[in-house]
Amino acid sequence: MSCPIRLHPLRKPKNHRLPIPRWQLSLAGTITHVFTTYIGIQKRSDDDASSKVQVQATSAIKTWLEAEDGPAASESFTMIDGAEKAESSIWVCYWLDGSTYHQALRRLSLASLFSGLPEKGRSSVGVWRESFATAIPRLETNYSGLDYLPGLAKLPGADTEEHELSAYWGAARDRIPDSAHDLFPRNMNGTRPNHIPTGFGQHLIGTNQHNLVHIRSGQFWENCGQQEADAYERKLEPTLHEGLQYLWEHPEETESMGVRYLRNEDNASSNGRPRKETCGVAFFSSLDRLEQWAKTHPSHLAIYRGALTHYKAFGDMRLLRTWHEVSVLKEGDAVFEYVNCAPETGVIQAVELEVKGSCESGNL
């Protein structure tokens, strides 16, 4: 069987040689999609009543995660920073089976979860989910090592394969199979909704425009020696944080949305030390807008140069692991849902959302 003709050439430069080995996700050929859901509990007050409501909501989410139709893989986070400026607990969940994914989300029912929380303190707590299905030909991944593989790589049966499409501008696009015949153009209808809801007291739901992009990009330095850990935390991490901050402070310029900086809480140290693993997550209006920020903006170029400096300093002894996963979504592949959330939460100010009900009236 012959392969489809490639209409758009690879952006890989002639005679390019990969300086550092890289790997990508490999799934069984029968897998057509992967399914992802982020779930968040947002607490905007420190009073006891709000804390109790947050604990009850967290317990409900954990029970949901452990059910038979729960995710095949999941991770838990606290939010370090983001546009929301609220204390948030967040989970990312992955499935391989579409029917199980849809069944689990029906059972989750954020409106019912919120309505079941104690009325006292509930007004200062929000719950949300951002869910999407990714067709495998519109997915790309990249891992710097095989000793730690998070995210989609935690799915049952997931494997990796070495590749050479890395370390040049346009490599991420080249790793997306459908890029051979699709440029994934940005939606020309704009990225701002006609009406931006208030968020507070509302139940909001909506979907995505064509070619919306999601990225999760992670850093893991739990296994690093003290010298390398110090180098990352004192030099590279502040640069990364500044880059993410630029994105959430300039959404109209970058066409980024839902930008969050998260710390992984799985297997947290018993001595109270924060786990040495973080990730940045975001949506972009198109792959082109993500590429433009990465290739041209000083905030990302500083991250890129800092990473190269770190790699050169520690060479083959380097134990910092970096990775990412990128999805280019078809129109309607995503569902965004927010209940009583701050107006800066997620994609509220960037995607057309329908007001489904009022939290005050109980009509969710």
Protein backbone atom coordinates (compact mmCIF):
# COMPACT_ATOMS: atom_id res chain seq x y z
CA MET A 1 0.00 0.00 0.00
CA SER A 2 1.55 3.32 -1.02
CA CYS A 3 1.78 6.27 1.36
CA PRO A 4 -0.14 9.49 0.58
CA ILE A 5 1.85 12.07 -1.36
CA ARG A 6 3.40 14.74 0.86
CA LEU A 7 2.11 18.11 -0.36
CA HIS A 8 4.04 20.23 2.15
CA PRO A 9 7.75 19.49 2.50
CA LEU A 10 9.41 18.83 5.82
CA ARG A 11 10.97 21.88 7.42
CA LYS A 12 13.98 19.84 8.48
CA PRO A 13 17.12 21.55 7.09
CA LYS A 14 19.28 19.65 4.63
CA ASN A 15 22.02 17.61 6.33
CA HIS A 16 20.52 18.37 9.77
CA ARG A 17 22.02 16.16 12.50
CA LEU A 18 20.23 15.71 15.80
CA PRO A 19 22.60 16.83 18.60
CA ILE A 20 20.74 14.97 21.38
CA PRO A 21 18.62 11.78 21.07
CA ARG A 22 14.87 12.29 21.15
CA TRP A 23 11.88 9.94 21.34
CA GLN A 24 8.17 10.17 20.53
CA LEU A 25 5.06 8.31 21.62
CA SER A 26 4.17 5.10 19.83
CA LEU A 27 0.69 3.56 20.17
CA ALA A 28 -0.86 0.45 18.66
CA GLY A 29 -1.95 0.91 15.05
CA THR A 30 -5.58 0.26 16.01
CA ILE A 31 -5.66 3.41 18.17
CA THR A 32 -7.25 6.29 16.25
CA HIS A 33 -7.63 8.89 19.02
CA VAL A 34 -6.48 9.80 22.49
CA PHE A 35 -8.82 11.59 24.89
CA THR A 36 -7.81 14.20 27.45
CA THR A 37 -9.63 16.04 30.23
CA TYR A 38 -8.34 18.64 32.65
CA ILE A 39 -10.48 19.07 35.76
CA GLY A 40 -10.03 21.96 38.18
CA ILE A 41 -11.29 23.07 41.56
CA GLN A 42 -10.77 26.78 42.10
CA LYS A 43 -10.79 28.29 45.62
CA ARG A 44 -10.93 32.08 45.87
CA SER A 45 -11.15 32.51 49.66
CA ASP A 46 -9.16 31.20 52.61
CA ASP A 47 -12.03 30.99 55.11
CA ASP A 48 -12.90 27.67 56.74
CA ALA A 49 -16.19 27.24 54.89
CA SER A 50 -14.51 27.56 51.49
CA SER A 51 -11.77 25.14 52.52
CA LYS A 52 -14.37 22.56 53.58
CA VAL A 53 -16.18 22.93 50.26
CA GLN A 54 -12.88 22.45 48.41
CA VAL A 55 -12.15 19.29 50.41
CA GLN A 56 -15.59 17.85 49.59
CA ALA A 57 -15.21 18.68 45.88
CA THR A 58 -11.74 17.10 45.86
CA SER A 59 -13.12 13.94 47.46
CA ALA A 60 -15.82 13.73 44.77
CA ILE A 61 -13.24 14.07 41.98
CA LYS A 62 -10.98 11.41 43.51
CA THR A 63 -13.93 9.00 43.79
CA TRP A 64 -14.76 9.68 40.14
CA LEU A 65 -11.14 9.02 39.10
CA GLU A 66 -11.17 5.59 40.73
CA ALA A 67 -14.36 4.33 39.08
CA GLU A 68 -14.37 1.60 36.44
CA ASP A 69 -14.78 4.09 33.59
CA GLY A 70 -12.24 6.46 35.11
CA PRO A 71 -9.14 7.52 33.17
CA ALA A 72 -6.58 4.96 32.06
CA ALA A 73 -3.90 7.36 33.30
CA SER A 74 -4.04 10.55 35.36
CA GLU A 75 -1.87 13.05 37.21
CA SER A 76 -2.65 15.65 39.88
CA PHE A 77 -1.35 19.21 40.22
CA THR A 78 -1.48 22.42 42.15
CA MET A 79 -1.34 25.65 40.18
CA ILE A 80 1.85 27.64 40.70
CA ASP A 81 0.70 30.62 38.64
CA GLY A 82 -1.66 31.65 35.88
CA ALA A 83 -4.17 34.26 34.79
CA GLU A 84 -6.76 32.92 37.22
CA LYS A 85 -4.84 34.04 40.32
CA ALA A 86 -6.70 31.52 42.47
CA GLU A 87 -5.71 28.52 44.53
CA SER A 88 -6.48 25.55 42.29
CA SER A 89 -6.23 21.78 42.36
CA ILE A 90 -6.08 20.27 38.89
CA TRP A 91 -6.11 16.78 37.42
CA VAL A 92 -5.25 15.72 33.88
CA CYS A 93 -6.89 12.50 32.70
CA TYR A 94 -6.25 10.34 29.63
CA TRP A 95 -8.24 7.61 27.88
CA LEU A 96 -7.72 5.45 24.79
CA ASP A 97 -11.35 4.39 24.44
CA GLY A 98 -13.83 7.02 23.28
CA SER A 99 -16.97 5.40 24.67
CA THR A 100 -15.42 5.07 28.13
CA TYR A 101 -14.25 8.70 27.96
CA HIS A 102 -17.72 9.99 27.10
CA GLN A 103 -19.36 7.78 29.72
CA ALA A 104 -16.98 9.04 32.41
CA LEU A 105 -17.65 12.68 31.53
CA ARG A 106 -21.41 12.15 31.61
CA ARG A 107 -21.03 10.65 35.07
CA LEU A 108 -18.83 13.54 36.24
CA SER A 109 -21.61 16.16 35.76
CA LEU A 110 -20.00 19.33 37.09
CA ALA A 111 -23.39 20.97 37.59
CA SER A 112 -24.50 18.15 39.89
CA LEU A 113 -21.16 18.11 41.69
CA PHE A 114 -21.37 21.86 42.37
CA SER A 115 -25.03 21.75 43.43
CA GLY A 116 -24.20 18.99 45.92
CA LEU A 117 -21.58 21.07 47.73
CA PRO A 118 -22.45 22.78 51.04
CA GLU A 119 -24.12 26.12 50.38
CA LYS A 120 -21.96 27.90 52.93
CA GLY A 121 -18.63 28.66 51.23
CA ARG A 122 -19.75 27.39 47.83
CA SER A 123 -19.88 30.86 46.27
CA SER A 124 -16.08 31.20 46.52
CA VAL A 125 -15.38 27.84 44.83
CA GLY A 126 -15.51 27.09 41.11
CA VAL A 127 -15.23 23.82 39.19
CA TRP A 128 -14.25 23.39 35.55
CA ARG A 129 -13.20 20.93 32.88
CA GLU A 130 -11.46 21.27 29.53
CA SER A 131 -11.87 18.08 27.48
CA PHE A 132 -10.75 17.17 23.98
CA ALA A 133 -10.29 14.27 21.58
CA THR A 134 -7.11 14.19 19.50
CA ALA A 135 -6.87 12.24 16.25
CA ILE A 136 -3.50 10.45 16.21
CA PRO A 137 -2.48 12.02 12.85
CA ARG A 138 -2.92 15.44 14.51
CA LEU A 139 -0.76 14.65 17.55
CA GLU A 140 2.95 15.05 18.21
CA THR A 141 5.13 14.29 21.23
CA ASN A 142 8.78 14.70 22.12
CA TYR A 143 10.78 13.26 25.06
CA SER A 144 14.40 13.93 26.07
CA GLY A 145 14.81 10.62 27.92
CA LEU A 146 13.23 7.25 28.61
CA ASP A 147 13.70 7.03 32.37
CA TYR A 148 10.67 9.23 33.04
CA LEU A 149 7.68 9.28 30.71
CA PRO A 150 4.60 11.20 31.93
CA GLY A 151 1.41 12.41 30.24
CA LEU A 152 0.14 10.33 27.34
CA ALA A 153 3.12 8.02 27.73
CA LYS A 154 1.52 6.67 30.94
CA LEU A 155 -1.36 5.13 28.98
CA PRO A 156 -1.53 1.30 28.97
CA GLY A 157 0.41 -0.17 26.07
CA ALA A 158 2.16 3.09 25.25
CA ASP A 159 5.66 2.77 23.85
CA THR A 160 8.27 5.14 22.40
CA GLU A 161 10.39 5.27 19.28
CA GLU A 162 13.48 7.31 18.52
CA HIS A 163 13.18 10.02 15.87
CA GLU A 164 15.31 12.70 14.20
CA LEU A 165 12.71 15.48 13.76
CA SER A 166 13.95 17.76 16.52
CA ALA A 167 16.23 20.70 17.32
CA TYR A 168 15.16 22.99 14.44
CA TRP A 169 12.34 25.49 13.95
CA GLY A 170 9.33 23.69 12.54
CA ALA A 171 10.23 20.31 14.01
CA ALA A 172 7.03 20.03 16.02
CA ARG A 173 4.96 20.59 12.88
CA ASP A 174 7.02 17.99 11.02
CA ARG A 175 6.22 15.42 13.72
CA ILE A 176 2.46 15.82 13.13
CA PRO A 177 1.58 13.26 10.42
CA ASP A 178 -1.23 15.34 8.90
CA SER A 179 1.17 18.23 8.31
CA ALA A 180 2.12 16.40 5.10
CA HIS A 181 -1.11 17.68 3.53
CA ASP A 182 -2.56 20.24 5.98
CA LEU A 183 -1.13 23.61 7.04
CA PHE A 184 -3.63 23.87 9.93
CA PRO A 185 -4.56 27.50 9.16
CA ARG A 186 -5.88 29.72 11.93
CA ASN A 187 -9.58 30.45 12.03
CA MET A 188 -10.20 33.74 10.23
CA ASN A 189 -13.32 34.56 12.29
CA GLY A 190 -11.13 35.89 15.07
CA THR A 191 -10.25 34.59 18.52
CA ARG A 192 -12.47 36.77 20.72
CA PRO A 193 -16.10 35.84 21.44
CA ASN A 194 -18.93 38.23 20.67
CA HIS A 195 -19.92 38.21 24.34
CA ILE A 196 -17.63 37.52 27.31
CA PRO A 197 -19.58 36.15 30.30
CA THR A 198 -18.88 37.16 33.87
CA GLY A 199 -18.03 33.63 34.99
CA PHE A 200 -19.00 34.11 38.63
CA GLY A 201 -22.36 32.53 39.38
CA GLN A 202 -22.68 31.05 35.90
CA HIS A 203 -22.62 27.62 34.31
CA LEU A 204 -20.81 27.99 30.99
CA ILE A 205 -20.25 25.48 28.22
CA GLY A 206 -18.87 25.65 24.67
CA THR A 207 -16.60 24.10 22.09
CA ASN A 208 -13.60 24.99 19.92
CA GLN A 209 -12.96 26.49 16.52
CA HIS A 210 -11.08 24.50 13.89
CA ASN A 211 -7.34 23.95 14.42
CA LEU A 212 -7.24 25.08 18.03
CA VAL A 213 -3.93 23.82 19.49
CA HIS A 214 -3.23 22.45 22.95
CA ILE A 215 0.26 22.04 24.40
CA ARG A 216 1.47 20.50 27.62
CA SER A 217 5.21 20.95 28.16
CA GLY A 218 6.93 19.41 31.18
CA GLN A 219 10.10 19.51 33.23
CA PHE A 220 11.27 16.78 35.63
CA TRP A 221 14.41 17.22 37.75
CA GLU A 222 13.63 14.96 40.72
CA ASN A 223 16.56 12.67 39.80
CA CYS A 224 19.10 15.45 39.27
CA GLY A 225 22.10 15.85 41.54
CA GLN A 226 22.29 18.98 43.66
CA GLN A 227 24.46 20.89 41.20
CA GLU A 228 22.18 20.30 38.24
CA ALA A 229 19.02 20.89 40.30
CA ASP A 230 20.43 24.22 41.51
CA ALA A 231 21.34 25.20 37.95
CA TYR A 232 17.81 24.49 36.76
CA GLU A 233 16.06 26.20 39.66
CA ARG A 234 18.24 29.32 39.70
CA LYS A 235 18.72 29.89 35.98
CA LEU A 236 16.34 28.02 33.68
CA GLU A 237 13.19 27.83 35.78
CA PRO A 238 12.82 31.61 36.32
CA THR A 239 13.18 32.11 32.57
CA LEU A 240 10.48 29.51 31.92
CA HIS A 241 8.17 31.16 34.45
CA GLU A 242 8.69 34.56 32.82
CA GLY A 243 7.86 33.12 29.39
CA LEU A 244 4.59 31.65 30.61
CA GLN A 245 3.77 34.89 32.40
CA TYR A 246 4.23 36.79 29.16
CA LEU A 247 1.68 34.52 27.50
CA TRP A 248 -1.07 34.97 30.08
CA GLU A 249 -0.44 38.71 30.29
CA HIS A 250 -0.63 39.17 26.48
CA PRO A 251 -3.44 36.89 25.25
CA GLU A 252 -4.56 39.13 22.38
CA GLU A 253 -1.05 39.49 20.96
CA THR A 254 -0.07 35.82 21.29
CA GLU A 255 -3.57 34.34 20.82
CA SER A 256 -2.84 32.03 23.73
CA MET A 257 -5.49 31.06 26.26
CA GLY A 258 -5.88 28.98 29.39
CA VAL A 259 -2.15 29.31 30.17
CA ARG A 260 -1.26 27.67 33.49
CA TYR A 261 1.97 26.79 35.29
CA LEU A 262 1.45 23.59 37.31
CA ARG A 263 3.37 21.53 39.84
CA ASN A 264 2.89 17.77 39.78
CA GLU A 265 1.74 16.46 43.18
CA ASP A 266 1.90 12.71 42.45
CA ASN A 267 4.28 10.85 44.77
CA ALA A 268 5.03 14.07 46.64
CA SER A 269 7.89 13.93 49.13
CA SER A 270 6.91 12.95 52.68
CA ASN A 271 9.13 15.71 54.11
CA GLY A 272 6.96 18.43 52.61
CA ARG A 273 9.45 19.43 49.92
CA PRO A 274 7.70 20.35 46.66
CA ARG A 275 8.05 17.71 43.98
CA LYS A 276 10.63 18.65 41.36
CA GLU A 277 8.28 18.39 38.42
CA THR A 278 6.28 21.08 36.67
CA CYS A 279 4.49 21.66 33.40
CA GLY A 280 3.05 24.52 31.43
CA VAL A 281 -0.28 24.00 29.68
CA ALA A 282 -1.99 26.27 27.19
CA PHE A 283 -4.23 26.55 24.16
CA PHE A 284 -3.31 28.59 21.08
CA SER A 285 -5.61 29.76 18.31
CA SER A 286 -3.44 27.89 15.79
CA LEU A 287 -0.17 26.04 15.41
CA ASP A 288 1.21 29.03 13.53
CA ARG A 289 0.66 31.28 16.57
CA LEU A 290 2.43 28.82 18.86
CA GLU A 291 5.32 28.56 16.40
CA GLN A 292 5.55 32.33 16.03
CA TRP A 293 5.90 32.85 19.79
CA ALA A 294 8.44 30.02 20.06
CA LYS A 295 10.58 31.13 17.13
CA THR A 296 10.50 34.91 17.37
CA HIS A 297 9.58 36.20 20.81
CA PRO A 298 12.35 37.08 23.31
CA SER A 299 10.47 35.38 26.16
CA HIS A 300 10.67 31.97 24.47
CA LEU A 301 14.06 32.50 22.85
CA ALA A 302 15.43 33.05 26.37
CA ILE A 303 13.99 29.66 27.41
CA TYR A 304 15.47 28.02 24.30
CA ARG A 305 18.94 29.49 24.87
CA GLY A 306 18.80 28.62 28.56
CA ALA A 307 17.95 25.00 27.77
CA LEU A 308 20.87 24.74 25.32
CA THR A 309 23.22 26.21 27.93
CA HIS A 310 21.99 23.69 30.50
CA TYR A 311 22.40 20.76 28.11
CA LYS A 312 25.95 21.82 27.21
CA ALA A 313 26.91 22.34 30.86
CA PHE A 314 25.88 18.84 31.98
CA GLY A 315 26.30 16.86 28.75
CA ASP A 316 25.69 13.13 28.94
CA MET A 317 25.41 13.37 32.73
CA ARG A 318 22.30 15.54 32.41
CA LEU A 319 19.27 14.18 34.27
CA LEU A 320 16.86 17.03 33.64
CA ARG A 321 14.05 15.58 31.54
CA THR A 322 11.90 17.74 29.30
CA TRP A 323 9.02 16.70 27.10
CA HIS A 324 5.81 17.91 25.50
CA GLU A 325 2.64 16.82 23.75
CA VAL A 326 0.80 18.93 21.16
CA SER A 327 -2.70 18.39 19.75
CA VAL A 328 -4.21 20.16 16.75
CA LEU A 329 -7.96 19.88 17.28
CA LYS A 330 -10.68 19.71 14.69
CA GLU A 331 -13.73 21.92 15.12
CA GLY A 332 -15.92 20.54 17.90
CA ASP A 333 -13.27 18.17 19.31
CA ALA A 334 -13.18 20.05 22.62
CA VAL A 335 -15.74 20.81 25.33
CA PHE A 336 -15.09 23.62 27.80
CA GLU A 337 -17.24 23.81 30.93
CA TYR A 338 -17.01 26.24 33.86
CA VAL A 339 -19.23 26.51 36.94
CA ASN A 340 -18.88 29.62 39.14
CA CYS A 341 -15.35 30.36 37.91
CA ALA A 342 -13.40 33.62 37.78
CA PRO A 343 -13.74 35.36 34.39
CA GLU A 344 -10.00 34.89 33.69
CA THR A 345 -10.31 31.11 33.98
CA GLY A 346 -9.27 28.96 31.05
CA VAL A 347 -10.78 29.99 27.72
CA ILE A 348 -13.72 32.01 29.10
CA GLN A 349 -12.49 35.22 27.44
CA ALA A 350 -11.39 33.56 24.21
CA VAL A 351 -14.06 31.03 23.19
CA GLU A 352 -17.79 31.54 22.59
CA LEU A 353 -19.52 29.95 25.59
CA GLU A 354 -23.21 29.50 26.28
CA VAL A 355 -24.64 30.42 29.68
CA LYS A 356 -26.45 27.23 30.68
CA GLY A 357 -27.69 28.37 34.05
CA SER A 358 -27.24 30.39 37.22
CA CYS A 359 -25.57 29.09 40.37
CA GLU A 360 -27.59 31.50 42.54
CA SER A 361 -30.94 30.28 41.23
CA GLY A 362 -29.84 26.65 41.35
CA ASN A 363 -30.89 26.31 37.72
CA LEU A 364 -27.67 24.72 36.42
